[in-house]
């Protein structure tokens, strides 16, 4: 799974607000993917179909 630049930027903003720390694009991408994988495992049975495709765009890093 890969994330769009838009998703990574959004994650960076949220992370900075919550933790007061700025992340590089690579760090943000890694943390965002880890978070998504965590939620995928928890909610895989009850999540609506295609939820992970929301941020899977054509622009990638």
Protein backbone atom coordinates (compact mmCIF):
# COMPACT_ATOMS: atom_id res chain seq x y z
CA UNK A 1 0.00 0.00 0.00
CA UNK A 2 1.25 3.49 -0.81
CA UNK A 3 -0.04 6.90 0.17
CA UNK A 4 -0.64 9.99 -1.92
CA UNK A 5 1.34 13.16 -1.28
CA UNK A 6 -1.93 14.73 -0.12
CA UNK A 7 -2.43 11.99 2.49
CA UNK A 8 1.14 12.34 3.73
CA UNK A 9 0.79 16.13 4.02
CA UNK A 10 -2.46 15.72 5.93
CA UNK A 11 -0.84 13.21 8.28
CA UNK A 12 2.11 15.58 8.87
CA UNK A 13 -0.27 18.41 9.83
CA UNK A 14 -2.24 16.22 12.22
CA UNK A 15 0.93 14.77 13.76
CA UNK A 16 2.44 18.23 14.28
CA UNK A 17 -0.75 19.46 15.99
CA UNK A 18 -1.00 16.43 18.24
CA UNK A 19 2.65 15.91 19.14
CA UNK A 20 4.33 19.24 18.39
CA UNK A 21 6.90 17.56 16.14
CA UNK A 22 7.43 18.06 12.41
CA UNK A 23 8.10 14.95 10.35
CA UNK A 24 9.83 14.52 7.01
CA UNK A 25 7.75 13.08 4.17
CA UNK A 26 9.46 9.72 4.60
CA UNK A 27 8.89 9.61 8.37
CA UNK A 28 5.28 10.70 7.95
CA UNK A 29 4.68 8.09 5.25
CA UNK A 30 6.11 5.35 7.44
CA UNK A 31 4.09 6.37 10.50
CA UNK A 32 0.91 6.83 8.48
CA UNK A 33 1.26 3.40 6.88
CA UNK A 34 1.91 1.80 10.26
CA UNK A 35 -1.22 3.49 11.59
CA UNK A 36 -3.30 2.35 8.62
CA UNK A 37 -2.04 -1.22 8.95
CA UNK A 38 -2.94 -1.17 12.64
CA UNK A 39 -6.48 0.01 11.94
CA UNK A 40 -6.82 -2.40 9.03
CA UNK A 41 -6.12 -5.31 11.37
CA UNK A 42 -8.57 -4.07 13.97
CA UNK A 43 -11.40 -3.07 11.65
CA UNK A 44 -10.95 -5.38 8.67
CA UNK A 45 -14.19 -7.21 9.35
CA UNK A 46 -16.38 -4.19 10.07
CA UNK A 47 -14.93 -1.49 7.78
CA UNK A 48 -16.79 -0.52 4.63
CA UNK A 49 -15.35 -1.93 1.42
CA UNK A 50 -12.73 0.27 -0.21
CA UNK A 51 -12.00 2.48 2.80
CA UNK A 52 -8.22 2.23 2.25
CA UNK A 53 -8.50 3.44 -1.35
CA UNK A 54 -9.52 6.92 -0.23
CA UNK A 55 -5.87 7.99 0.04
CA UNK A 56 -4.39 5.72 -2.61
CA UNK A 57 -3.87 8.26 -5.40
CA UNK A 58 -1.61 8.33 -8.43
CA UNK A 59 0.94 10.80 -7.01
CA UNK A 60 3.40 8.92 -4.85
CA UNK A 61 6.78 9.61 -3.31
